[in-house]
Amino acid sequence: MPGGVRSLLQALRFDGSPRAIPHLDQATLAFADRTQLTPLLTRFDLPQWARAHADAVLARNAIRVERVAAAYAEIANAFEHVVLKGFTHIPEFVDDPRLRTQYDLDLFVPPQHREAAWRTLLSLGYEPVRGMERLAMDHLPTMIRKTGWQWRGDYFDAEIPLAVEVHFQFWDAATERVNPLGLEQLWLRRRGSRLDPVDRLGYAALHLTRHLLRGNVRIFHVWELARFLNTHRDGEFWRTWRRQHPKSLRRLEAIAFLLAVQWFACEVPAEARCEMEALPESVKRWFALYGWSPVEAMFRPNKHELLLHLSLAGELEDRLRILCRRLLPGRLPAPVDAIHLPPEQMTIFRKIQERLRYLGYLTSRFAHHARLLAPTLWSTLRWCLRSSR
């Protein structure tokens, strides 16, 4: 990691780190923008040029918070659901909504109601993003409104249209080849349109573990989980957590806890620490060797998360399926450009531009997987040999 990024993450730790960020430069601030960490920087001692940038980001994000609330108000009573993540993380995970950047609304409905929810969103002017139906997801294709907005390089642009995702499962066991028990109870224990407080923590941790296994962790998600662990000491809460969440589910949550501890040095309640200590030795070894690899991959690509995933799968067939899916992806990526443009704005020139950008992205992804094929096979072989010993 570059020195500036390392000092930025060090400053966000919960073990009494200094309130200043050494080595802060334009590249580090750009990294903070890309990872949605910039609003958090407003609580640090910053040089004047960085302070002006961070305060402007916070102001734009405040506008976005209001627009998220307005968009949800339109949907709130349209069909029965629970809201996942997003503004439901306030104040337990983040004390100020302006510090959390939200790009979509994640709404869970039981599988039998997903088509009705889909039709309702269509009637409200939301349209599915084409090409996403072939991806391995726990939700229906992302739905957006074609407002004509286009990417302008600002991750905190208040005008970015809010997307909606209709989730019909809390975990994609068919894809992950790991099957935690007890998830059907999350819907039954809901409180209105929110998960039970214990389940909000559980789903946040499960969601983070899922992204860790798929190699696309968001650093902010790790930080907010670390903050939750660092500030919640209620023994009854954690006893309820152990009682309501089966062992197989707690194991996946404990992986997210361990990531939060390693990155941000948060305190952990005794019940959560027991689950972390009960993790398989292969999982602990992965964290010792590759615990920072999700951040390192932003600068030097790797697929070390595959080794963690293989450590969690029980059967040989499951491991082989995981290996094949990660080494040789069989699905094309989703569109990357012009998804908010209505048909009347898609001129011939704009269609050509959109196709060329997608081709360029597709080529880069192919090169990425081809470049990592041999190193990943070698590291996987070494990992399996060590594990067999």
Protein backbone atom coordinates (compact mmCIF):
# COMPACT_ATOMS: atom_id res chain seq x y z
CA MET A 1 0.00 0.00 0.00
CA PRO A 2 1.17 3.57 -0.61
CA GLY A 3 2.31 5.35 2.53
CA GLY A 4 -0.54 7.85 2.38
CA VAL A 5 -3.18 5.11 2.24
CA ARG A 6 -1.53 3.28 5.11
CA SER A 7 -1.52 6.42 7.25
CA LEU A 8 -5.17 7.11 6.35
CA LEU A 9 -6.29 3.66 7.50
CA GLN A 10 -4.11 3.96 10.59
CA ALA A 11 -5.85 7.20 11.54
CA LEU A 12 -9.26 5.52 11.32
CA ARG A 13 -8.37 2.89 13.92
CA PHE A 14 -10.13 2.76 17.28
CA ASP A 15 -7.07 2.31 19.49
CA GLY A 16 -6.27 5.95 20.13
CA SER A 17 -4.56 6.85 16.88
CA PRO A 18 -3.60 10.52 16.29
CA ARG A 19 -6.15 12.95 14.88
CA ALA A 20 -3.87 13.98 12.02
CA ILE A 21 -3.08 12.02 8.85
CA PRO A 22 0.61 12.05 7.90
CA HIS A 23 1.56 11.84 4.23
CA LEU A 24 -1.85 13.13 3.12
CA ASP A 25 -1.61 14.12 -0.53
CA GLN A 26 -3.87 14.39 -3.57
CA ALA A 27 -3.50 10.69 -4.41
CA THR A 28 -4.53 9.68 -0.89
CA LEU A 29 -7.51 12.02 -0.97
CA ALA A 30 -8.53 10.54 -4.33
CA PHE A 31 -8.35 7.09 -2.73
CA ALA A 32 -10.57 8.33 0.12
CA ASP A 33 -13.09 9.59 -2.45
CA ARG A 34 -13.07 6.30 -4.34
CA THR A 35 -13.64 4.31 -1.14
CA GLN A 36 -16.26 6.72 0.32
CA LEU A 37 -14.03 7.52 3.32
CA THR A 38 -13.78 11.28 2.68
CA PRO A 39 -16.74 12.31 4.89
CA LEU A 40 -14.98 10.66 7.84
CA LEU A 41 -11.97 12.91 7.28
CA THR A 42 -13.97 15.97 8.36
CA ARG A 43 -13.33 14.83 11.95
CA PHE A 44 -9.55 15.01 11.55
CA ASP A 45 -7.01 17.81 11.58
CA LEU A 46 -6.46 18.50 7.88
CA PRO A 47 -4.43 20.96 5.85
CA GLN A 48 -6.53 23.78 4.43
CA TRP A 49 -6.75 22.39 0.89
CA ALA A 50 -7.93 18.98 2.15
CA ARG A 51 -10.33 20.57 4.64
CA ALA A 52 -12.05 22.52 1.86
CA HIS A 53 -12.45 19.35 -0.21
CA ALA A 54 -13.76 17.23 2.68
CA ASP A 55 -16.22 19.89 3.86
CA ALA A 56 -17.59 20.25 0.32
CA VAL A 57 -18.03 16.48 0.10
CA LEU A 58 -19.89 16.46 3.43
CA ALA A 59 -22.22 19.21 2.20
CA ARG A 60 -23.03 17.33 -1.01
CA ASN A 61 -23.57 14.13 0.93
CA ALA A 62 -26.02 15.94 3.23
CA ILE A 63 -28.12 16.78 0.18
CA ARG A 64 -27.93 13.17 -0.90
CA VAL A 65 -29.18 11.99 2.50
CA GLU A 66 -32.31 14.11 2.01
CA ARG A 67 -32.86 12.72 -1.48
CA VAL A 68 -32.48 9.15 -0.27
CA ALA A 69 -35.14 9.84 2.37
CA ALA A 70 -37.47 11.33 -0.25
CA ALA A 71 -36.99 8.40 -2.63
CA TYR A 72 -37.68 5.89 0.13
CA ALA A 73 -40.79 7.77 1.29
CA GLU A 74 -42.26 7.16 -2.17
CA ILE A 75 -41.69 3.41 -1.86
CA ALA A 76 -42.14 2.86 1.88
CA ASN A 77 -45.84 1.90 1.78
CA ALA A 78 -45.91 0.38 -1.70
CA PHE A 79 -45.25 -3.21 -0.58
CA GLU A 80 -44.15 -5.08 2.55
CA HIS A 81 -40.37 -5.25 2.95
CA VAL A 82 -37.43 -4.70 5.25
CA VAL A 83 -34.66 -2.22 4.49
CA LEU A 84 -31.17 -3.71 4.46
CA LYS A 85 -28.13 -1.60 5.39
CA GLY A 86 -28.23 2.04 4.27
CA PHE A 87 -29.90 4.49 6.62
CA THR A 88 -30.87 1.64 8.99
CA HIS A 89 -27.21 1.67 10.10
CA ILE A 90 -27.76 5.05 11.77
CA PRO A 91 -26.85 5.51 14.63
CA GLU A 92 -25.52 2.08 15.65
CA PHE A 93 -22.89 1.79 12.92
CA VAL A 94 -22.44 5.48 12.06
CA ASP A 95 -23.55 8.33 14.32
CA ASP A 96 -24.10 10.93 11.56
CA PRO A 97 -25.98 10.06 8.33
CA ARG A 98 -23.86 12.56 6.39
CA LEU A 99 -20.82 10.35 6.94
CA ARG A 100 -22.33 7.41 5.06
CA THR A 101 -22.66 7.52 1.28
CA GLN A 102 -25.68 5.58 0.01
CA TYR A 103 -26.13 4.79 -3.67
CA ASP A 104 -29.09 2.42 -3.54
CA LEU A 105 -32.00 1.12 -1.52
CA ASP A 106 -31.72 -2.57 -0.63
CA LEU A 107 -35.18 -3.97 0.10
CA PHE A 108 -35.79 -7.58 1.13
CA VAL A 109 -39.07 -9.30 0.32
CA PRO A 110 -39.91 -13.02 0.65
CA PRO A 111 -39.24 -14.93 -2.60
CA GLN A 112 -42.95 -15.38 -3.32
CA HIS A 113 -43.49 -11.60 -3.27
CA ARG A 114 -40.56 -10.49 -5.42
CA GLU A 115 -42.52 -10.31 -8.66
CA ALA A 116 -45.18 -8.11 -7.06
CA ALA A 117 -42.50 -5.79 -5.69
CA TRP A 118 -40.87 -5.72 -9.13
CA ARG A 119 -44.12 -4.71 -10.84
CA THR A 120 -44.75 -2.02 -8.23
CA LEU A 121 -41.34 -0.45 -8.87
CA LEU A 122 -42.00 -0.56 -12.61
CA SER A 123 -45.21 1.38 -12.03
CA LEU A 124 -43.20 4.01 -10.10
CA GLY A 125 -40.91 4.60 -13.09
CA TYR A 126 -37.98 2.33 -12.18
CA GLU A 127 -36.47 0.19 -14.94
CA PRO A 128 -34.12 -2.80 -14.67
CA VAL A 129 -30.51 -2.39 -15.78
CA ARG A 130 -30.19 -4.68 -18.78
CA GLY A 131 -27.55 -7.39 -18.68
CA MET A 132 -27.67 -7.96 -14.90
CA GLU A 133 -30.08 -10.88 -15.00
CA ARG A 134 -27.22 -13.24 -15.86
CA LEU A 135 -25.11 -12.31 -12.83
CA ALA A 136 -24.91 -14.34 -9.61
CA MET A 137 -26.77 -12.17 -7.10
CA ASP A 138 -29.09 -12.38 -4.13
CA HIS A 139 -31.39 -9.75 -5.64
CA LEU A 140 -33.26 -9.03 -8.86
CA PRO A 141 -31.52 -6.82 -11.46
CA THR A 142 -30.87 -3.33 -10.14
CA MET A 143 -33.66 -0.88 -10.98
CA ILE A 144 -33.09 2.78 -11.83
CA ARG A 145 -34.86 5.77 -13.31
CA LYS A 146 -33.59 7.01 -16.65
CA THR A 147 -32.99 10.61 -15.63
CA GLY A 148 -30.27 11.35 -18.19
CA TRP A 149 -27.59 11.63 -15.51
CA GLN A 150 -24.04 10.76 -16.58
CA TRP A 151 -20.91 10.05 -14.58
CA ARG A 152 -18.80 13.18 -14.02
CA GLY A 153 -16.06 11.76 -11.84
CA ASP A 154 -17.63 12.79 -8.51
CA TYR A 155 -18.36 9.91 -6.13
CA PHE A 156 -20.45 12.27 -3.95
CA ASP A 157 -22.48 13.89 -6.71
CA ALA A 158 -25.84 14.69 -5.13
CA GLU A 159 -27.50 14.14 -8.53
CA ILE A 160 -26.55 10.46 -8.81
CA PRO A 161 -29.92 8.69 -9.21
CA LEU A 162 -30.79 6.31 -6.40
CA ALA A 163 -31.03 2.68 -7.48
CA VAL A 164 -33.34 0.08 -5.92
CA GLU A 165 -32.51 -3.60 -5.45
CA VAL A 166 -35.18 -6.15 -4.51
CA HIS A 167 -33.51 -8.89 -2.47
CA PHE A 168 -35.21 -12.25 -2.27
CA GLN A 169 -32.56 -14.06 -0.18
CA PHE A 170 -30.15 -13.00 2.54
CA TRP A 171 -27.33 -15.20 1.23
CA ASP A 172 -26.66 -16.84 -2.15
CA ALA A 173 -25.80 -20.35 -0.96
CA ALA A 174 -25.98 -21.81 -4.48
CA THR A 175 -23.15 -19.55 -5.61
CA GLU A 176 -21.07 -19.33 -2.44
CA ARG A 177 -21.29 -23.12 -1.77
CA VAL A 178 -21.49 -22.32 1.96
CA ASN A 179 -24.89 -22.65 3.61
CA PRO A 180 -25.48 -20.89 6.96
CA LEU A 181 -28.64 -21.88 8.83
CA GLY A 182 -31.32 -19.74 10.42
CA LEU A 183 -31.59 -16.98 7.82
CA GLU A 184 -35.31 -17.54 7.29
CA GLN A 185 -35.87 -16.25 10.83
CA LEU A 186 -34.60 -12.77 9.95
CA TRP A 187 -37.83 -11.96 8.12
CA LEU A 188 -39.97 -13.43 10.89
CA ARG A 189 -38.20 -11.37 13.56
CA ARG A 190 -38.47 -8.08 11.64
CA ARG A 191 -39.70 -4.93 13.35
CA GLY A 192 -41.80 -3.06 10.85
CA SER A 193 -39.63 -2.25 7.85
CA ARG A 194 -36.36 -2.93 9.71
CA LEU A 195 -34.56 -6.03 10.83
CA ASP A 196 -34.37 -6.88 14.49
CA PRO A 197 -31.32 -5.03 16.00
CA VAL A 198 -29.39 -8.29 16.46
CA ASP A 199 -30.17 -9.27 12.88
CA ARG A 200 -29.05 -5.86 11.58
CA LEU A 201 -25.61 -6.64 12.93
CA GLY A 202 -25.81 -10.18 11.60
CA TYR A 203 -26.78 -9.16 8.10
CA ALA A 204 -24.15 -6.38 7.98
CA ALA A 205 -21.46 -8.91 8.92
CA LEU A 206 -22.82 -11.53 6.51
CA HIS A 207 -22.92 -8.98 3.70
CA LEU A 208 -19.31 -8.00 4.39
CA THR A 209 -18.17 -11.64 4.40
CA ARG A 210 -19.92 -12.19 1.08
CA HIS A 211 -18.06 -9.30 -0.50
CA LEU A 212 -14.80 -10.48 1.05
CA LEU A 213 -15.24 -13.90 -0.59
CA ARG A 214 -16.04 -12.23 -3.92
CA GLY A 215 -13.05 -9.91 -3.78
CA ASN A 216 -14.87 -6.57 -3.70
CA VAL A 217 -14.80 -5.35 -0.09
CA ARG A 218 -15.75 -1.73 0.61
CA ILE A 219 -13.43 -0.33 3.26
CA PHE A 220 -16.20 1.83 4.72
CA HIS A 221 -18.31 -1.26 5.44
CA VAL A 222 -15.41 -2.70 7.45
CA TRP A 223 -14.99 0.56 9.36
CA GLU A 224 -18.65 0.88 10.32
CA LEU A 225 -18.73 -2.73 11.53
CA ALA A 226 -15.61 -1.99 13.59
CA ARG A 227 -17.37 1.02 15.10
CA PHE A 228 -20.38 -1.12 16.03
CA LEU A 229 -18.18 -3.70 17.75
CA ASN A 230 -16.20 -0.98 19.51
CA THR A 231 -19.26 0.76 20.97
CA HIS A 232 -21.65 -2.09 21.84
CA ARG A 233 -21.02 -3.70 25.21
CA ASP A 234 -24.56 -4.69 26.21
CA GLY A 235 -24.24 -8.27 27.47
CA GLU A 236 -27.91 -9.05 26.86
CA PHE A 237 -27.58 -8.00 23.22
CA TRP A 238 -24.72 -10.42 22.65
CA ARG A 239 -26.39 -13.26 24.57
CA THR A 240 -29.42 -12.80 22.30
CA TRP A 241 -27.09 -12.82 19.31
CA ARG A 242 -25.63 -16.18 20.35
CA ARG A 243 -29.08 -17.60 21.05
CA GLN A 244 -30.77 -16.45 17.83
CA HIS A 245 -27.95 -17.08 15.34
CA PRO A 246 -26.93 -20.71 14.72
CA LYS A 247 -23.25 -21.69 14.81
CA SER A 248 -22.92 -21.84 11.01
CA LEU A 249 -24.21 -18.26 10.75
CA ARG A 250 -22.04 -16.97 13.59
CA ARG A 251 -18.98 -18.43 11.90
CA LEU A 252 -19.51 -16.30 8.79
CA GLU A 253 -20.21 -13.24 10.93
CA ALA A 254 -17.03 -13.86 12.95
CA ILE A 255 -14.98 -13.68 9.74
CA ALA A 256 -16.27 -10.13 9.22
CA PHE A 257 -15.53 -9.34 12.88
CA LEU A 258 -11.96 -10.55 12.47
CA LEU A 259 -11.48 -8.37 9.40
CA ALA A 260 -12.77 -5.34 11.33
CA VAL A 261 -10.40 -6.02 14.22
CA GLN A 262 -7.39 -6.51 11.96
CA TRP A 263 -7.96 -3.35 9.94
CA PHE A 264 -9.24 -0.94 12.58
CA ALA A 265 -8.15 -2.36 15.96
CA CYS A 266 -11.61 -2.17 17.54
CA GLU A 267 -12.54 -3.65 20.88
CA VAL A 268 -14.68 -6.78 20.66
CA PRO A 269 -17.22 -8.08 23.21
CA ALA A 270 -16.41 -11.43 24.80
CA GLU A 271 -19.14 -13.33 22.93
CA ALA A 272 -17.89 -12.13 19.55
CA ARG A 273 -14.28 -12.84 20.50
CA CYS A 274 -15.20 -16.42 21.41
CA GLU A 275 -16.63 -16.92 17.92
CA MET A 276 -13.50 -15.44 16.35
CA GLU A 277 -11.29 -17.76 18.37
CA ALA A 278 -13.43 -20.74 17.33
CA LEU A 279 -12.81 -20.12 13.63
CA PRO A 280 -10.92 -22.89 11.79
CA GLU A 281 -7.15 -22.66 11.91
CA SER A 282 -7.05 -22.32 8.13
CA VAL A 283 -9.16 -19.15 8.37
CA LYS A 284 -6.88 -17.68 11.04
CA ARG A 285 -3.86 -18.56 8.91
CA TRP A 286 -5.43 -16.77 5.93
CA PHE A 287 -5.84 -13.60 7.97
CA ALA A 288 -2.24 -13.85 9.18
CA LEU A 289 -0.95 -14.13 5.60
CA TYR A 290 -3.49 -12.28 3.48
CA GLY A 291 -5.66 -10.19 5.81
CA TRP A 292 -4.75 -6.95 4.02
CA SER A 293 -4.99 -8.39 0.51
CA PRO A 294 -8.40 -6.74 -0.28
CA VAL A 295 -6.79 -3.30 0.11
CA GLU A 296 -3.54 -4.35 -1.57
CA ALA A 297 -5.55 -5.59 -4.56
CA MET A 298 -6.52 -1.99 -5.31
CA PHE A 299 -2.88 -1.34 -6.19
CA ARG A 300 -1.59 -4.78 -7.16
CA PRO A 301 -4.38 -7.19 -8.17
CA ASN A 302 -4.67 -10.56 -6.46
CA LYS A 303 -7.26 -13.24 -5.80
CA HIS A 304 -6.16 -14.29 -2.33
CA GLU A 305 -9.77 -14.27 -1.12
CA LEU A 306 -10.20 -17.51 -3.10
CA LEU A 307 -8.05 -19.33 -0.53
CA LEU A 308 -10.32 -18.18 2.28
CA HIS A 309 -13.36 -19.31 0.33
CA LEU A 310 -11.86 -22.75 -0.24
CA SER A 311 -11.19 -23.04 3.50
CA LEU A 312 -14.90 -22.59 4.24
CA ALA A 313 -16.31 -25.04 1.69
CA GLY A 314 -16.88 -28.51 3.07
CA GLU A 315 -17.09 -30.81 0.06
CA LEU A 316 -14.59 -31.35 -2.75
CA GLU A 317 -17.28 -30.64 -5.36
CA ASP A 318 -18.01 -27.29 -3.71
CA ARG A 319 -14.33 -26.34 -3.76
CA LEU A 320 -13.98 -27.26 -7.41
CA ARG A 321 -17.02 -25.18 -8.34
CA ILE A 322 -15.66 -22.20 -6.40
CA LEU A 323 -12.28 -22.59 -8.07
CA CYS A 324 -13.74 -22.76 -11.57
CA ARG A 325 -16.05 -19.78 -11.02
CA ARG A 326 -13.27 -17.54 -9.72
CA LEU A 327 -10.60 -18.60 -12.21
CA LEU A 328 -12.78 -18.75 -15.31
CA PRO A 329 -15.81 -16.46 -14.89
CA GLY A 330 -18.60 -17.63 -17.15
CA ARG A 331 -20.73 -14.48 -17.12
CA LEU A 332 -20.27 -11.16 -18.87
CA PRO A 333 -20.09 -8.08 -16.65
CA ALA A 334 -22.99 -5.65 -16.32
CA PRO A 335 -23.13 -2.42 -18.39
CA VAL A 336 -20.75 0.31 -17.27
CA ASP A 337 -21.94 3.38 -19.16
CA ALA A 338 -25.07 5.35 -20.10
CA ILE A 339 -27.41 3.24 -17.98
CA HIS A 340 -29.39 6.35 -16.88
CA LEU A 341 -29.89 7.72 -20.38
CA PRO A 342 -33.44 7.35 -21.81
CA PRO A 343 -33.75 5.94 -25.35
CA GLU A 344 -34.35 9.36 -26.92
CA GLN A 345 -30.92 10.55 -25.71
CA MET A 346 -29.09 7.53 -27.10
CA THR A 347 -27.91 8.98 -30.40
CA ILE A 348 -25.89 6.88 -32.83
CA PHE A 349 -22.69 8.53 -31.59
CA ARG A 350 -23.64 7.86 -27.95
CA LYS A 351 -24.46 4.22 -28.71
CA ILE A 352 -21.08 3.75 -30.35
CA GLN A 353 -19.38 5.40 -27.40
CA GLU A 354 -21.27 3.15 -24.98
CA ARG A 355 -20.29 0.01 -26.94
CA LEU A 356 -16.64 1.04 -27.10
CA ARG A 357 -16.49 1.72 -23.37
CA TYR A 358 -18.07 -1.64 -22.61
CA LEU A 359 -15.63 -3.36 -24.97
CA GLY A 360 -12.74 -1.62 -23.26
CA TYR A 361 -14.00 -2.69 -19.84
CA LEU A 362 -14.59 -6.24 -21.04
CA THR A 363 -11.05 -6.37 -22.43
CA SER A 364 -9.60 -5.10 -19.16
CA ARG A 365 -11.49 -7.74 -17.16
CA PHE A 366 -10.30 -10.49 -19.49
CA ALA A 367 -6.73 -9.27 -19.12
CA HIS A 368 -7.15 -9.12 -15.34
CA HIS A 369 -8.28 -12.74 -15.08
CA ALA A 370 -5.69 -13.96 -17.61
CA ARG A 371 -2.86 -12.18 -15.78
CA LEU A 372 -3.85 -13.67 -12.44
CA LEU A 373 -4.55 -17.21 -13.64
CA ALA A 374 -1.06 -18.68 -13.18
CA PRO A 375 -0.23 -16.87 -9.89
CA THR A 376 -3.61 -17.85 -8.43
CA LEU A 377 -3.20 -21.50 -9.42
CA TRP A 378 0.26 -21.56 -7.86
CA SER A 379 -0.85 -19.92 -4.60
CA THR A 380 -3.87 -22.27 -4.45
CA LEU A 381 -1.64 -25.32 -4.90
CA ARG A 382 0.72 -24.14 -2.15
CA TRP A 383 -2.24 -23.39 0.13
CA CYS A 384 -3.76 -26.84 -0.38
CA LEU A 385 -0.43 -28.58 0.22
CA ARG A 386 0.10 -26.65 3.45
CA SER A 387 -3.45 -27.40 4.58
CA SER A 388 -3.05 -31.12 3.90
CA ARG A 389 -0.02 -31.18 6.19
